[in-house]
C-alpha atoms as a PDB file:
ATOM      1  CA  UNK A   1      87.178  65.430 101.086  1.00  0.00           C
ATOM      2  CA  UNK A   2      88.941  61.958 101.178  1.00  0.00           C
ATOM      3  CA  UNK A   3      92.213  61.537  99.371  1.00  0.00           C
ATOM      4  CA  UNK A   4      93.214  58.117  97.810  1.00  0.00           C
ATOM      5  CA  UNK A   5      93.910  55.324 100.338  1.00  0.00           C
ATOM      6  CA  UNK A   6      97.588  55.096  99.137  1.00  0.00           C
ATOM      7  CA  UNK A   7      98.516  58.205 100.968  1.00  0.00           C
ATOM      8  CA  UNK A   8      97.409  59.472 104.463  1.00  0.00           C
ATOM      9  CA  UNK A   9      93.736  60.631 104.418  1.00  0.00           C
ATOM     10  CA  UNK A  10      93.335  64.407 104.396  1.00  0.00           C
ATOM     11  CA  UNK A  11      90.507  66.317 105.771  1.00  0.00           C
ATOM     12  CA  UNK A  12      88.926  69.754 105.127  1.00  0.00           C
ATOM     13  CA  UNK A  13      87.099  70.926 108.325  1.00  0.00           C
ATOM     14  CA  UNK A  14      83.584  72.276 108.014  1.00  0.00           C
ATOM     15  CA  UNK A  15      81.224  74.015 110.435  1.00  0.00           C
ATOM     16  CA  UNK A  16      80.853  72.359 113.710  1.00  0.00           C
ATOM     17  CA  UNK A  17      78.019  69.856 113.673  1.00  0.00           C
ATOM     18  CA  UNK A  18      77.562  68.913 117.285  1.00  0.00           C
ATOM     19  CA  UNK A  19      78.142  65.706 119.234  1.00  0.00           C
ATOM     20  CA  UNK A  20      79.422  62.517 117.461  1.00  0.00           C
ATOM     21  CA  UNK A  21      76.682  59.981 116.587  1.00  0.00           C
ATOM     22  CA  UNK A  22      76.948  56.221 117.314  1.00  0.00           C
ATOM     23  CA  UNK A  23      77.557  55.523 113.719  1.00  0.00           C
ATOM     24  CA  UNK A  24      80.666  57.759 113.637  1.00  0.00           C
ATOM     25  CA  UNK A  25      81.990  56.215 116.709  1.00  0.00           C
ATOM     26  CA  UNK A  26      81.407  52.725 115.280  1.00  0.00           C
ATOM     27  CA  UNK A  27      83.348  53.652 112.225  1.00  0.00           C
ATOM     28  CA  UNK A  28      86.334  54.697 114.283  1.00  0.00           C
ATOM     29  CA  UNK A  29      86.499  51.333 116.035  1.00  0.00           C
ATOM     30  CA  UNK A  30      88.216  49.539 113.209  1.00  0.00           C
ATOM     31  CA  UNK A  31      90.779  52.245 112.907  1.00  0.00           C
ATOM     32  CA  UNK A  32      91.649  51.908 116.624  1.00  0.00           C
ATOM     33  CA  UNK A  33      92.027  48.041 115.998  1.00  0.00           C
ATOM     34  CA  UNK A  34      94.432  48.817 113.105  1.00  0.00           C
ATOM     35  CA  UNK A  35      96.481  51.042 115.314  1.00  0.00           C
ATOM     36  CA  UNK A  36      96.773  48.242 117.908  1.00  0.00           C
ATOM     37  CA  UNK A  37      97.739  45.766 115.253  1.00  0.00           C
ATOM     38  CA  UNK A  38     100.487  47.959 113.935  1.00  0.00           C
ATOM     39  CA  UNK A  39     101.821  48.431 117.355  1.00  0.00           C
ATOM     40  CA  UNK A  40     101.769  44.689 117.987  1.00  0.00           C
ATOM     41  CA  UNK A  41     103.385  44.074 114.522  1.00  0.00           C
ATOM     42  CA  UNK A  42     106.291  46.549 114.904  1.00  0.00           C
ATOM     43  CA  UNK A  43     106.491  46.550 118.790  1.00  0.00           C
ATOM     44  CA  UNK A  44     106.787  50.421 118.327  1.00  0.00           C
ATOM     45  CA  UNK A  45     103.771  52.193 120.047  1.00  0.00           C
ATOM     46  CA  UNK A  46     105.383  55.691 119.583  1.00  0.00           C
ATOM     47  CA  UNK A  47     105.517  55.270 115.757  1.00  0.00           C
ATOM     48  CA  UNK A  48     102.051  53.701 115.560  1.00  0.00           C
ATOM     49  CA  UNK A  49     100.431  56.381 117.529  1.00  0.00           C
ATOM     50  CA  UNK A  50     102.239  59.140 115.412  1.00  0.00           C
ATOM     51  CA  UNK A  51     100.996  57.563 112.269  1.00  0.00           C
ATOM     52  CA  UNK A  52      97.410  57.427 113.592  1.00  0.00           C
ATOM     53  CA  UNK A  53      97.207  60.648 115.454  1.00  0.00           C
ATOM     54  CA  UNK A  54      96.013  62.679 112.667  1.00  0.00           C
ATOM     55  CA  UNK A  55      93.495  60.206 111.218  1.00  0.00           C
ATOM     56  CA  UNK A  56      92.008  59.436 114.708  1.00  0.00           C
ATOM     57  CA  UNK A  57      91.821  63.068 115.639  1.00  0.00           C
ATOM     58  CA  UNK A  58      90.157  63.862 112.282  1.00  0.00           C
ATOM     59  CA  UNK A  59      87.782  60.856 112.397  1.00  0.00           C
ATOM     60  CA  UNK A  60      86.667  61.823 115.920  1.00  0.00           C
ATOM     61  CA  UNK A  61      86.288  65.546 115.103  1.00  0.00           C
ATOM     62  CA  UNK A  62      82.841  67.148 115.554  1.00  0.00           C
ATOM     63  CA  UNK A  63      83.460  69.487 112.568  1.00  0.00           C
ATOM     64  CA  UNK A  64      81.879  66.887 110.209  1.00  0.00           C
ATOM     65  CA  UNK A  65      78.543  68.121 108.978  1.00  0.00           C
ATOM     66  CA  UNK A  66      76.984  64.657 109.192  1.00  0.00           C
ATOM     67  CA  UNK A  67      77.638  61.025 109.350  1.00  0.00           C
ATOM     68  CA  UNK A  68      77.756  60.686 105.625  1.00  0.00           C
ATOM     69  CA  UNK A  69      80.953  62.707 105.710  1.00  0.00           C
ATOM     70  CA  UNK A  70      82.499  61.366 108.943  1.00  0.00           C
ATOM     71  CA  UNK A  71      82.038  57.647 108.322  1.00  0.00           C
ATOM     72  CA  UNK A  72      83.804  57.434 104.934  1.00  0.00           C
ATOM     73  CA  UNK A  73      86.782  59.170 106.344  1.00  0.00           C
ATOM     74  CA  UNK A  74      87.228  56.841 109.224  1.00  0.00           C
ATOM     75  CA  UNK A  75      86.889  53.859 106.869  1.00  0.00           C
ATOM     76  CA  UNK A  76      89.570  55.276 104.550  1.00  0.00           C
ATOM     77  CA  UNK A  77      91.846  55.940 107.434  1.00  0.00           C
ATOM     78  CA  UNK A  78      91.516  52.359 108.482  1.00  0.00           C
ATOM     79  CA  UNK A  79      92.302  51.137 104.989  1.00  0.00           C
ATOM     80  CA  UNK A  80      95.310  53.291 104.896  1.00  0.00           C
ATOM     81  CA  UNK A  81      96.807  51.915 108.130  1.00  0.00           C
ATOM     82  CA  UNK A  82      95.853  48.339 107.144  1.00  0.00           C
ATOM     83  CA  UNK A  83      97.543  49.018 103.722  1.00  0.00           C
ATOM     84  CA  UNK A  84     100.765  49.861 105.441  1.00  0.00           C
ATOM     85  CA  UNK A  85     100.741  46.526 107.253  1.00  0.00           C
ATOM     86  CA  UNK A  86     100.199  44.586 103.983  1.00  0.00           C
ATOM     87  CA  UNK A  87     103.751  45.643 102.987  1.00  0.00           C
ATOM     88  CA  UNK A  88     104.724  42.634 105.142  1.00  0.00           C
ATOM     89  CA  UNK A  89     104.060  39.729 102.942  1.00  0.00           C
ATOM     90  CA  UNK A  90     104.161  35.964 102.901  1.00  0.00           C
ATOM     91  CA  UNK A  91     104.958  33.761  99.909  1.00  0.00           C
ATOM     92  CA  UNK A  92     105.188  29.962  99.424  1.00  0.00           C
ATOM     93  CA  UNK A  93     105.264  27.287  96.792  1.00  0.00           C
ATOM     94  CA  UNK A  94     101.734  26.403  96.001  1.00  0.00           C
ATOM     95  CA  UNK A  95     102.305  22.719  95.816  1.00  0.00           C
ATOM     96  CA  UNK A  96     104.372  20.710  98.260  1.00  0.00           C
ATOM     97  CA  UNK A  97     105.253  16.890  98.381  1.00  0.00           C
ATOM     98  CA  UNK A  98     106.247  15.307 101.634  1.00  0.00           C
ATOM     99  CA  UNK A  99     108.161  11.922 101.433  1.00  0.00           C
ATOM    100  CA  UNK A 100     108.695  11.380 105.057  1.00  0.00           C
ATOM    101  CA  UNK A 101     106.702  11.669 108.351  1.00  0.00           C
ATOM    102  CA  UNK A 102     109.061  14.507 109.454  1.00  0.00           C
ATOM    103  CA  UNK A 103     109.617  16.654 106.428  1.00  0.00           C
ATOM    104  CA  UNK A 104     109.907  20.462 105.911  1.00  0.00           C
ATOM    105  CA  UNK A 105     109.278  23.123 103.351  1.00  0.00           C
ATOM    106  CA  UNK A 106     110.207  26.830 103.189  1.00  0.00           C
ATOM    107  CA  UNK A 107     108.287  29.923 103.129  1.00  0.00           C
ATOM    108  CA  UNK A 108     109.293  33.552 102.586  1.00  0.00           C
ATOM    109  CA  UNK A 109     108.424  36.716 104.571  1.00  0.00           C
ATOM    110  CA  UNK A 110     109.237  40.222 103.097  1.00  0.00           C
ATOM    111  CA  UNK A 111     109.183  43.267 105.269  1.00  0.00           C
ATOM    112  CA  UNK A 112     108.514  46.527 103.207  1.00  0.00           C
ATOM    113  CA  UNK A 113     108.052  48.749 106.209  1.00  0.00           C
ATOM    114  CA  UNK A 114     110.634  51.114 107.726  1.00  0.00           C
ATOM    115  CA  UNK A 115     110.337  49.264 111.105  1.00  0.00           C
ATOM    116  CA  UNK A 116     111.350  45.757 112.163  1.00  0.00           C
ATOM    117  CA  UNK A 117     108.404  43.446 112.590  1.00  0.00           C
ATOM    118  CA  UNK A 118     107.513  40.287 114.614  1.00  0.00           C
ATOM    119  CA  UNK A 119     105.130  37.934 113.108  1.00  0.00           C
ATOM    120  CA  UNK A 120     103.712  34.388 113.411  1.00  0.00           C
ATOM    121  CA  UNK A 121     102.783  31.946 110.695  1.00  0.00           C
ATOM    122  CA  UNK A 122      99.568  30.107 111.782  1.00  0.00           C
ATOM    123  CA  UNK A 123      98.473  27.195 109.724  1.00  0.00           C
ATOM    124  CA  UNK A 124      94.945  25.722 109.279  1.00  0.00           C
ATOM    125  CA  UNK A 125      94.962  22.266 107.617  1.00  0.00           C
ATOM    126  CA  UNK A 126      91.900  20.768 105.870  1.00  0.00           C
ATOM    127  CA  UNK A 127      91.961  17.345 104.005  1.00  0.00           C
ATOM    128  CA  UNK A 128      90.953  17.679 100.388  1.00  0.00           C
ATOM    129  CA  UNK A 129      87.738  15.926  99.164  1.00  0.00           C
ATOM    130  CA  UNK A 130      88.093  12.121  99.415  1.00  0.00           C
ATOM    131  CA  UNK A 131      91.284  12.334 101.457  1.00  0.00           C
ATOM    132  CA  UNK A 132      91.568  10.891 104.873  1.00  0.00           C
ATOM    133  CA  UNK A 133      95.040  12.644 105.341  1.00  0.00           C
ATOM    134  CA  UNK A 134      96.192  13.844 108.770  1.00  0.00           C
ATOM    135  CA  UNK A 135      98.893  16.480 108.803  1.00  0.00           C
ATOM    136  CA  UNK A 136      99.852  18.964 111.476  1.00  0.00           C
ATOM    137  CA  UNK A 137     101.945  22.104 110.974  1.00  0.00           C
ATOM    138  CA  UNK A 138     103.169  23.838 114.074  1.00  0.00           C
ATOM    139  CA  UNK A 139     103.048  27.739 114.400  1.00  0.00           C
ATOM    140  CA  UNK A 140     106.382  29.425 113.361  1.00  0.00           C
ATOM    141  CA  UNK A 141     107.698  32.734 114.398  1.00  0.00           C
ATOM    142  CA  UNK A 142     110.036  35.342 112.680  1.00  0.00           C
ATOM    143  CA  UNK A 143     111.707  38.646 113.259  1.00  0.00           C
ATOM    144  CA  UNK A 144     112.311  40.583 109.975  1.00  0.00           C
ATOM    145  CA  UNK A 145     114.409  43.892 109.795  1.00  0.00           C
ATOM    146  CA  UNK A 146     113.296  46.743 107.652  1.00  0.00           C
ATOM    147  CA  UNK A 147     113.323  46.142 104.022  1.00  0.00           C
ATOM    148  CA  UNK A 148     114.593  42.544 104.599  1.00  0.00           C
ATOM    149  CA  UNK A 149     113.514  39.010 103.586  1.00  0.00           C
ATOM    150  CA  UNK A 150     113.835  35.892 105.672  1.00  0.00           C
ATOM    151  CA  UNK A 151     113.107  32.247 104.944  1.00  0.00           C
ATOM    152  CA  UNK A 152     111.212  30.240 107.674  1.00  0.00           C
ATOM    153  CA  UNK A 153     111.125  26.425 107.440  1.00  0.00           C
ATOM    154  CA  UNK A 154     107.720  24.872 108.322  1.00  0.00           C
ATOM    155  CA  UNK A 155     107.921  21.275 109.701  1.00  0.00           C
ATOM    156  CA  UNK A 156     104.777  19.308 109.045  1.00  0.00           C
ATOM    157  CA  UNK A 157     104.126  15.947 110.720  1.00  0.00           C
ATOM    158  CA  UNK A 158     102.334  13.365 108.604  1.00  0.00           C
ATOM    159  CA  UNK A 159     100.036  11.270 110.710  1.00  0.00           C
ATOM    160  CA  UNK A 160      98.172   9.749 107.798  1.00  0.00           C
ATOM    161  CA  UNK A 161      99.057   9.956 104.089  1.00  0.00           C
ATOM    162  CA  UNK A 162      96.893  11.895 101.585  1.00  0.00           C
ATOM    163  CA  UNK A 163      96.468  15.397 100.269  1.00  0.00           C
ATOM    164  CA  UNK A 164      95.559  18.384 102.465  1.00  0.00           C
ATOM    165  CA  UNK A 165      94.993  22.156 101.939  1.00  0.00           C
ATOM    166  CA  UNK A 166      97.200  24.209 104.268  1.00  0.00           C
ATOM    167  CA  UNK A 167      96.093  27.800 104.792  1.00  0.00           C
ATOM    168  CA  UNK A 168      99.110  29.793 105.965  1.00  0.00           C
ATOM    169  CA  UNK A 169      98.125  33.121 107.785  1.00  0.00           C
ATOM    170  CA  UNK A 170     100.658  35.823 108.746  1.00  0.00           C
ATOM    171  CA  UNK A 171      99.658  37.281 111.952  1.00  0.00           C
ATOM    172  CA  UNK A 172     100.843  39.741 114.646  1.00  0.00           C
ATOM    173  CA  UNK A 173     102.218  38.152 117.829  1.00  0.00           C
ATOM    174  CA  UNK A 174      98.777  38.676 119.476  1.00  0.00           C
ATOM    175  CA  UNK A 175      97.011  36.872 116.562  1.00  0.00           C
ATOM    176  CA  UNK A 176      95.783  39.765 114.340  1.00  0.00           C
ATOM    177  CA  UNK A 177      95.797  38.645 110.653  1.00  0.00           C
ATOM    178  CA  UNK A 178      98.215  40.551 108.362  1.00  0.00           C
ATOM    179  CA  UNK A 179      97.303  40.415 104.719  1.00  0.00           C
ATOM    180  CA  UNK A 180      95.462  37.575 102.928  1.00  0.00           C
ATOM    181  CA  UNK A 181      96.302  33.878 103.725  1.00  0.00           C
ATOM    182  CA  UNK A 182      98.397  31.862 101.370  1.00  0.00           C
ATOM    183  CA  UNK A 183      97.049  28.359 100.419  1.00  0.00           C
ATOM    184  CA  UNK A 184      99.427  25.514  99.892  1.00  0.00           C
ATOM    185  CA  UNK A 185      98.573  22.025  98.660  1.00  0.00           C
ATOM    186  CA  UNK A 186     100.442  19.392 100.740  1.00  0.00           C
ATOM    187  CA  UNK A 187     100.800  15.887  99.287  1.00  0.00           C
ATOM    188  CA  UNK A 188     101.806  13.491 102.077  1.00  0.00           C
ATOM    189  CA  UNK A 189     103.129  10.477 100.125  1.00  0.00           C
ATOM    190  CA  UNK A 190     104.092   7.706 102.578  1.00  0.00           C
ATOM    191  CA  UNK A 191     105.077   5.137 100.011  1.00  0.00           C
ATOM    192  CA  UNK A 192     108.689   6.530  99.557  1.00  0.00           C
ATOM    193  CA  UNK A 193     109.400   6.634 103.281  1.00  0.00           C
ATOM    194  CA  UNK A 194     107.763   3.325 103.930  1.00  0.00           C
ATOM    195  CA  UNK A 195     109.967   1.793 101.213  1.00  0.00           C
ATOM    196  CA  UNK A 196     113.089   3.119 102.692  1.00  0.00           C
ATOM    197  CA  UNK A 197     111.926   2.007 106.171  1.00  0.00           C
ATOM    198  CA  UNK A 198     111.526  -1.483 105.047  1.00  0.00           C
ATOM    199  CA  UNK A 199     114.928  -1.439 103.345  1.00  0.00           C
ATOM    200  CA  UNK A 200     116.475  -0.085 106.480  1.00  0.00           C
ATOM    201  CA  UNK A 201     114.861  -2.703 108.668  1.00  0.00           C
ATOM    202  CA  UNK A 202     116.164  -5.413 106.514  1.00  0.00           C
ATOM    203  CA  UNK A 203     119.675  -4.100 106.702  1.00  0.00           C
ATOM    204  CA  UNK A 204     119.404  -3.962 110.568  1.00  0.00           C
ATOM    205  CA  UNK A 205     118.047  -7.515 110.731  1.00  0.00           C
ATOM    206  CA  UNK A 206     120.924  -8.702 108.492  1.00  0.00           C
ATOM    207  CA  UNK A 207     123.512  -7.011 110.519  1.00  0.00           C
ATOM    208  CA  UNK A 208     122.135  -8.351 113.841  1.00  0.00           C
ATOM    209  CA  UNK A 209     122.048 -11.882 112.397  1.00  0.00           C
ATOM    210  CA  UNK A 210     125.550 -11.714 111.029  1.00  0.00           C
ATOM    211  CA  UNK A 211     126.729 -10.417 114.575  1.00  0.00           C
ATOM    212  CA  UNK A 212     124.995 -13.245 116.374  1.00  0.00           C
ATOM    213  CA  UNK A 213     126.588 -15.892 114.070  1.00  0.00           C
ATOM    214  CA  UNK A 214     130.106 -14.410 114.480  1.00  0.00           C
ATOM    215  CA  UNK A 215     129.659 -14.314 118.128  1.00  0.00           C
ATOM    216  CA  UNK A 216     128.435 -17.893 118.407  1.00  0.00           C
ATOM    217  CA  UNK A 217     131.398 -19.162 116.317  1.00  0.00           C
ATOM    218  CA  UNK A 218     133.805 -17.401 118.686  1.00  0.00           C
ATOM    219  CA  UNK A 219     132.429 -19.054 121.712  1.00  0.00           C
ATOM    220  CA  UNK A 220     132.663 -22.624 120.314  1.00  0.00           C
ATOM    221  CA  UNK A 221     135.880 -24.385 121.466  1.00  0.00           C
ATOM    222  CA  UNK A 222     138.394 -25.302 118.724  1.00  0.00           C
ATOM    223  CA  UNK A 223     138.555 -29.128 118.044  1.00  0.00           C
ATOM    224  CA  UNK A 224     141.971 -31.091 118.703  1.00  0.00           C
ATOM    225  CA  UNK A 225     143.398 -34.121 116.867  1.00  0.00           C
ATOM    226  CA  UNK A 226     141.997 -37.351 118.468  1.00  0.00           C
ATOM    227  CA  UNK A 227     139.310 -35.744 120.410  1.00  0.00           C
ATOM    228  CA  UNK A 228     136.587 -36.850 118.066  1.00  0.00           C
ATOM    229  CA  UNK A 229     136.328 -40.488 119.343  1.00  0.00           C
ATOM    230  CA  UNK A 230     136.676 -42.333 122.724  1.00  0.00           C
ATOM    231  CA  UNK A 231     140.358 -42.985 123.916  1.00  0.00           C
ATOM    232  CA  UNK A 232     141.642 -46.486 123.926  1.00  0.00           C
ATOM    233  CA  UNK A 233     142.438 -48.296 127.161  1.00  0.00           C
ATOM    234  CA  UNK A 234     146.014 -48.375 128.080  1.00  0.00           C
ATOM    235  CA  UNK A 235     147.984 -51.633 127.632  1.00  0.00           C
ATOM    236  CA  UNK A 236     148.472 -53.899 130.660  1.00  0.00           C
ATOM    237  CA  UNK A 237     151.989 -53.922 132.190  1.00  0.00           C
ATOM    238  CA  UNK A 238     154.213 -57.048 131.779  1.00  0.00           C
ATOM    239  CA  UNK A 239     153.940 -58.042 135.358  1.00  0.00           C
ATOM    240  CA  UNK A 240     150.086 -58.034 135.302  1.00  0.00           C
ATOM    241  CA  UNK A 241     150.251 -59.915 131.999  1.00  0.00           C
ATOM    242  CA  UNK A 242     152.373 -62.667 133.560  1.00  0.00           C
ATOM    243  CA  UNK A 243     150.218 -62.905 136.663  1.00  0.00           C
ATOM    244  CA  UNK A 244     147.203 -63.238 134.478  1.00  0.00           C
ATOM    245  CA  UNK A 245     149.055 -66.258 132.593  1.00  0.00           C
ATOM    246  CA  UNK A 246     149.933 -67.888 135.977  1.00  0.00           C
ATOM    247  CA  UNK A 247     146.189 -67.851 137.059  1.00  0.00           C
ATOM    248  CA  UNK A 248     145.277 -69.492 133.867  1.00  0.00           C
ATOM    249  CA  UNK A 249     147.512 -72.618 134.320  1.00  0.00           C
ATOM    250  CA  UNK A 250     147.280 -72.897 138.093  1.00  0.00           C
ATOM    251  CA  UNK A 251     150.875 -71.750 139.105  1.00  0.00           C
ATOM    252  CA  UNK A 252     150.147 -68.028 139.846  1.00  0.00           C
ATOM    253  CA  UNK A 253     150.816 -66.946 143.197  1.00  0.00           C
ATOM    254  CA  UNK A 254     152.478 -70.177 144.531  1.00  0.00           C
ATOM    255  CA  UNK A 255     155.629 -69.832 146.567  1.00  0.00           C
ATOM    256  CA  UNK A 256     156.795 -73.354 145.641  1.00  0.00           C
ATOM    257  CA  UNK A 257     157.810 -74.721 142.370  1.00  0.00           C
ATOM    258  CA  UNK A 258     155.197 -76.909 140.642  1.00  0.00           C
ATOM    259  CA  UNK A 259     155.285 -80.544 141.936  1.00  0.00           C
ATOM    260  CA  UNK A 260     157.261 -79.712 145.111  1.00  0.00           C
ATOM    261  CA  UNK A 261     156.442 -80.969 148.593  1.00  0.00           C
ATOM    262  CA  UNK A 262     156.594 -78.611 151.505  1.00  0.00           C
ATOM    263  CA  UNK A 263     157.376 -81.359 154.035  1.00  0.00           C
ATOM    264  CA  UNK A 264     160.439 -82.649 152.053  1.00  0.00           C
END
């Protein structure tokens, strides 16, 4: 008989039924996948193998009377182990507004297991109907101790404004999904950051213009009194003035007095 999935499945062995059929082996494959996922999640293969030892042994037992008994047990064992991993949970605000090209919003991861876990947050972004938005959200990683909670900051990049749906999936380091995805509506509003960008640019241009004006004023030489107009010519000396007067009346440069005779 199969016990509820909340606890480890129990088995009551019956008479041997011969070799396992392909159907029974196929039913065990998801259980092996769950064991590998738990090992990747916790990094503890010893604990994972110990948890799965009894379910795997029982699921592969040849004591089942038929596939109708063996397959449901393997399925229940898989659900039990997957249920343990869902104790690692992701939560986020369902509606986020971004007001800059480089913004951020927080998400929370809670670890309800008794082992530390290593997880990734992988995001798939899809534009909403009628939106031409382009937003990228890089993958984030986190390590959470047993019974602890951590806040992880996701940093989207807005390439084009609009609304998108971001599906956040918690996974193991090797990419196996853990629990259901969390859907967040992201509103990329560029009007706010564009307005601040315009204001910032205006202040920069004003500052550059002021600097250039001050620099130009400092380079211009200071004016001195009397330097505005042409300088007046200097007054002639008295000797030049008297020589000029002599040339005017015919006596300049003569070694003899006016009217004298050199022979007398």
